[in-house]
Amino acid sequence: MVMKVERLTISIPSDLLKLADEIAKEKKISRSKVVSSCLQEMAQKRLEERMAEGYRKMAKESLAFAHEAMNLGKETLPEWK
């Protein structure tokens, strides 16, 4: 998939710029690719956190539904003997 690339001018602390340059040199990639990769990792982590929260919320709702169903069953079904 070809993505449109935009230009961006940013200001970052000099120690982070030095780190970005070191990573770029080690991996033989551009500074832009270093920054893009970091943002992609952050976006993936954000997505995973949101999905985990959604799963936790669904689990609570499912548990509440199960309890309610059990209570309704106790009210409407004869006791098993």
N, C-alpha and C. Protein backbone atom coordinates (compact mmCIF):
# COMPACT_ATOMS: atom_id res chain seq x y z
N MET A 1 0.85 -1.18 0.00
CA MET A 1 0.00 0.00 0.00
C MET A 1 0.89 1.24 0.00
N VAL A 2 0.68 2.12 -0.95
CA VAL A 2 1.44 3.36 -1.07
C VAL A 2 0.72 4.44 -0.27
N MET A 3 1.46 5.04 0.64
CA MET A 3 0.86 6.09 1.47
C MET A 3 1.44 7.44 1.05
N LYS A 4 0.59 8.44 1.08
CA LYS A 4 1.03 9.79 0.80
C LYS A 4 1.93 10.25 1.94
N VAL A 5 3.03 10.85 1.59
CA VAL A 5 4.00 11.33 2.58
C VAL A 5 3.88 12.84 2.68
N GLU A 6 3.84 13.33 3.91
CA GLU A 6 3.77 14.76 4.17
C GLU A 6 5.07 15.24 4.81
N ARG A 7 5.42 16.48 4.57
CA ARG A 7 6.60 17.07 5.22
C ARG A 7 6.16 17.69 6.55
N LEU A 8 7.08 17.62 7.52
CA LEU A 8 6.78 18.13 8.85
C LEU A 8 8.05 18.71 9.44
N THR A 9 7.93 19.86 10.05
CA THR A 9 9.06 20.44 10.75
C THR A 9 8.74 20.38 12.23
N ILE A 10 9.63 19.75 12.99
CA ILE A 10 9.39 19.62 14.42
C ILE A 10 10.62 20.08 15.20
N SER A 11 10.42 20.35 16.46
CA SER A 11 11.52 20.67 17.36
C SER A 11 11.53 19.61 18.45
N ILE A 12 12.70 19.02 18.67
CA ILE A 12 12.83 18.01 19.72
C ILE A 12 14.11 18.29 20.51
N PRO A 13 14.18 17.81 21.74
CA PRO A 13 15.40 17.99 22.53
C PRO A 13 16.61 17.38 21.81
N SER A 14 17.76 18.00 22.00
CA SER A 14 18.96 17.57 21.28
C SER A 14 19.36 16.12 21.60
N ASP A 15 19.08 15.67 22.84
CA ASP A 15 19.43 14.29 23.16
C ASP A 15 18.57 13.29 22.38
N LEU A 16 17.32 13.65 22.12
CA LEU A 16 16.46 12.77 21.32
C LEU A 16 16.88 12.79 19.85
N LEU A 17 17.31 13.95 19.37
CA LEU A 17 17.81 14.03 18.00
C LEU A 17 19.05 13.16 17.84
N LYS A 18 19.93 13.22 18.83
CA LYS A 18 21.13 12.38 18.79
C LYS A 18 20.75 10.91 18.79
N LEU A 19 19.80 10.55 19.62
CA LEU A 19 19.34 9.16 19.66
C LEU A 19 18.72 8.74 18.33
N ALA A 20 17.90 9.62 17.75
CA ALA A 20 17.30 9.32 16.45
C ALA A 20 18.38 9.10 15.39
N ASP A 21 19.41 9.93 15.42
CA ASP A 21 20.50 9.77 14.47
C ASP A 21 21.25 8.45 14.68
N GLU A 22 21.47 8.09 15.94
CA GLU A 22 22.14 6.82 16.24
C GLU A 22 21.32 5.63 15.74
N ILE A 23 20.02 5.67 16.01
CA ILE A 23 19.13 4.58 15.56
C ILE A 23 19.11 4.52 14.04
N ALA A 24 19.01 5.68 13.40
CA ALA A 24 18.98 5.72 11.94
C ALA A 24 20.26 5.12 11.36
N LYS A 25 21.38 5.46 11.96
CA LYS A 25 22.66 4.94 11.47
C LYS A 25 22.74 3.42 11.68
N GLU A 26 22.35 2.95 12.88
CA GLU A 26 22.39 1.52 13.19
C GLU A 26 21.52 0.72 12.23
N LYS A 27 20.33 1.23 11.96
CA LYS A 27 19.36 0.49 11.14
C LYS A 27 19.44 0.84 9.66
N LYS A 28 20.32 1.80 9.34
CA LYS A 28 20.49 2.26 7.96
C LYS A 28 19.16 2.74 7.36
N ILE A 29 18.50 3.60 8.14
CA ILE A 29 17.25 4.22 7.70
C ILE A 29 17.34 5.72 7.95
N SER A 30 16.39 6.46 7.44
CA SER A 30 16.38 7.91 7.62
C SER A 30 15.82 8.31 8.98
N ARG A 31 16.08 9.53 9.37
CA ARG A 31 15.46 10.08 10.59
C ARG A 31 13.93 10.01 10.47
N SER A 32 13.44 10.33 9.30
CA SER A 32 11.99 10.30 9.09
C SER A 32 11.43 8.92 9.36
N LYS A 33 12.14 7.88 8.91
CA LYS A 33 11.69 6.51 9.14
C LYS A 33 11.74 6.18 10.63
N VAL A 34 12.75 6.68 11.34
CA VAL A 34 12.83 6.46 12.79
C VAL A 34 11.61 7.06 13.47
N VAL A 35 11.29 8.29 13.15
CA VAL A 35 10.14 8.97 13.76
C VAL A 35 8.85 8.27 13.36
N SER A 36 8.71 7.92 12.09
CA SER A 36 7.51 7.22 11.63
C SER A 36 7.33 5.90 12.35
N SER A 37 8.42 5.15 12.50
CA SER A 37 8.36 3.86 13.19
C SER A 37 7.92 4.03 14.65
N CYS A 38 8.46 5.05 15.30
CA CYS A 38 8.07 5.31 16.69
C CYS A 38 6.58 5.65 16.78
N LEU A 39 6.11 6.47 15.88
CA LEU A 39 4.69 6.83 15.88
C LEU A 39 3.82 5.62 15.58
N GLN A 40 4.26 4.77 14.66
CA GLN A 40 3.50 3.55 14.35
C GLN A 40 3.42 2.65 15.58
N GLU A 41 4.53 2.51 16.31
CA GLU A 41 4.53 1.70 17.53
C GLU A 41 3.59 2.29 18.57
N MET A 42 3.60 3.62 18.72
CA MET A 42 2.70 4.27 19.68
C MET A 42 1.24 4.07 19.27
N ALA A 43 0.97 4.17 17.96
CA ALA A 43 -0.39 3.98 17.48
C ALA A 43 -0.85 2.54 17.74
N GLN A 44 0.03 1.58 17.52
CA GLN A 44 -0.32 0.17 17.77
C GLN A 44 -0.59 -0.06 19.26
N LYS A 45 0.26 0.50 20.11
CA LYS A 45 0.07 0.35 21.56
C LYS A 45 -1.25 0.99 21.99
N ARG A 46 -1.55 2.15 21.44
CA ARG A 46 -2.80 2.84 21.76
C ARG A 46 -4.01 1.98 21.35
N LEU A 47 -3.94 1.41 20.16
CA LEU A 47 -5.02 0.54 19.69
C LEU A 47 -5.19 -0.66 20.60
N GLU A 48 -4.07 -1.30 20.97
CA GLU A 48 -4.13 -2.47 21.84
C GLU A 48 -4.70 -2.12 23.21
N GLU A 49 -4.33 -0.95 23.75
CA GLU A 49 -4.88 -0.51 25.04
C GLU A 49 -6.38 -0.28 24.95
N ARG A 50 -6.81 0.34 23.86
CA ARG A 50 -8.25 0.58 23.67
C ARG A 50 -9.02 -0.72 23.50
N MET A 51 -8.42 -1.67 22.77
CA MET A 51 -9.07 -2.96 22.58
C MET A 51 -9.16 -3.71 23.91
N ALA A 52 -8.09 -3.67 24.70
CA ALA A 52 -8.10 -4.34 26.00
C ALA A 52 -9.17 -3.75 26.90
N GLU A 53 -9.30 -2.43 26.88
CA GLU A 53 -10.33 -1.77 27.69
C GLU A 53 -11.71 -2.19 27.22
N GLY A 54 -11.89 -2.28 25.91
CA GLY A 54 -13.17 -2.72 25.37
C GLY A 54 -13.49 -4.15 25.79
N TYR A 55 -12.47 -5.02 25.76
CA TYR A 55 -12.68 -6.41 26.17
C TYR A 55 -13.04 -6.49 27.66
N ARG A 56 -12.36 -5.66 28.47
CA ARG A 56 -12.69 -5.65 29.91
C ARG A 56 -14.13 -5.19 30.13
N LYS A 57 -14.52 -4.16 29.39
CA LYS A 57 -15.88 -3.64 29.52
C LYS A 57 -16.90 -4.70 29.09
N MET A 58 -16.62 -5.36 27.97
CA MET A 58 -17.53 -6.41 27.49
C MET A 58 -17.60 -7.56 28.49
N ALA A 59 -16.49 -7.89 29.12
CA ALA A 59 -16.48 -8.98 30.10
C ALA A 59 -17.39 -8.63 31.28
N LYS A 60 -17.32 -7.39 31.74
CA LYS A 60 -18.18 -6.95 32.83
C LYS A 60 -19.65 -7.02 32.43
N GLU A 61 -19.93 -6.57 31.21
CA GLU A 61 -21.31 -6.61 30.74
C GLU A 61 -21.80 -8.05 30.58
N SER A 62 -20.94 -8.92 30.08
CA SER A 62 -21.32 -10.33 29.91
C SER A 62 -21.57 -10.99 31.26
N LEU A 63 -20.74 -10.67 32.23
CA LEU A 63 -20.92 -11.23 33.57
C LEU A 63 -22.23 -10.75 34.18
N ALA A 64 -22.51 -9.47 34.03
CA ALA A 64 -23.76 -8.92 34.55
C ALA A 64 -24.95 -9.58 33.87
N PHE A 65 -24.88 -9.80 32.57
CA PHE A 65 -25.95 -10.46 31.83
C PHE A 65 -26.13 -11.90 32.33
N ALA A 66 -25.03 -12.60 32.56
CA ALA A 66 -25.11 -13.98 33.04
C ALA A 66 -25.78 -14.04 34.41
N HIS A 67 -25.41 -13.12 35.29
CA HIS A 67 -26.04 -13.08 36.62
C HIS A 67 -27.54 -12.81 36.51
N GLU A 68 -27.89 -11.88 35.66
CA GLU A 68 -29.29 -11.55 35.48
C GLU A 68 -30.06 -12.74 34.91
N ALA A 69 -29.46 -13.42 33.94
CA ALA A 69 -30.11 -14.60 33.36
C ALA A 69 -30.29 -15.70 34.41
N MET A 70 -29.30 -15.87 35.26
CA MET A 70 -29.42 -16.88 36.32
C MET A 70 -30.54 -16.53 37.28
N ASN A 71 -30.62 -15.26 37.64
CA ASN A 71 -31.68 -14.83 38.55
C ASN A 71 -33.06 -15.01 37.93
N LEU A 72 -33.18 -14.68 36.66
CA LEU A 72 -34.46 -14.88 35.98
C LEU A 72 -34.80 -16.36 35.89
N GLY A 73 -33.79 -17.17 35.64
CA GLY A 73 -34.01 -18.61 35.57
C GLY A 73 -34.49 -19.17 36.90
N LYS A 74 -33.93 -18.68 37.98
CA LYS A 74 -34.34 -19.13 39.31
C LYS A 74 -35.79 -18.76 39.59
N GLU A 75 -36.20 -17.60 39.08
CA GLU A 75 -37.56 -17.12 39.31
C GLU A 75 -38.59 -17.88 38.47
N THR A 76 -38.20 -18.30 37.29
CA THR A 76 -39.18 -18.86 36.35
C THR A 76 -39.12 -20.37 36.19
N LEU A 77 -37.99 -20.98 36.49
CA LEU A 77 -37.85 -22.42 36.31
C LEU A 77 -37.99 -23.15 37.65
N PRO A 78 -38.56 -24.32 37.62
CA PRO A 78 -38.65 -25.08 38.87
C PRO A 78 -37.25 -25.53 39.31
N GLU A 79 -37.10 -25.69 40.60
CA GLU A 79 -35.81 -26.12 41.14
C GLU A 79 -35.50 -27.54 40.67
N TRP A 80 -34.26 -27.78 40.28
CA TRP A 80 -33.82 -29.09 39.80
C TRP A 80 -33.64 -30.02 40.97
N LYS A 81 -34.24 -31.20 40.89
CA LYS A 81 -34.11 -32.17 41.99
C LYS A 81 -33.57 -33.47 41.50
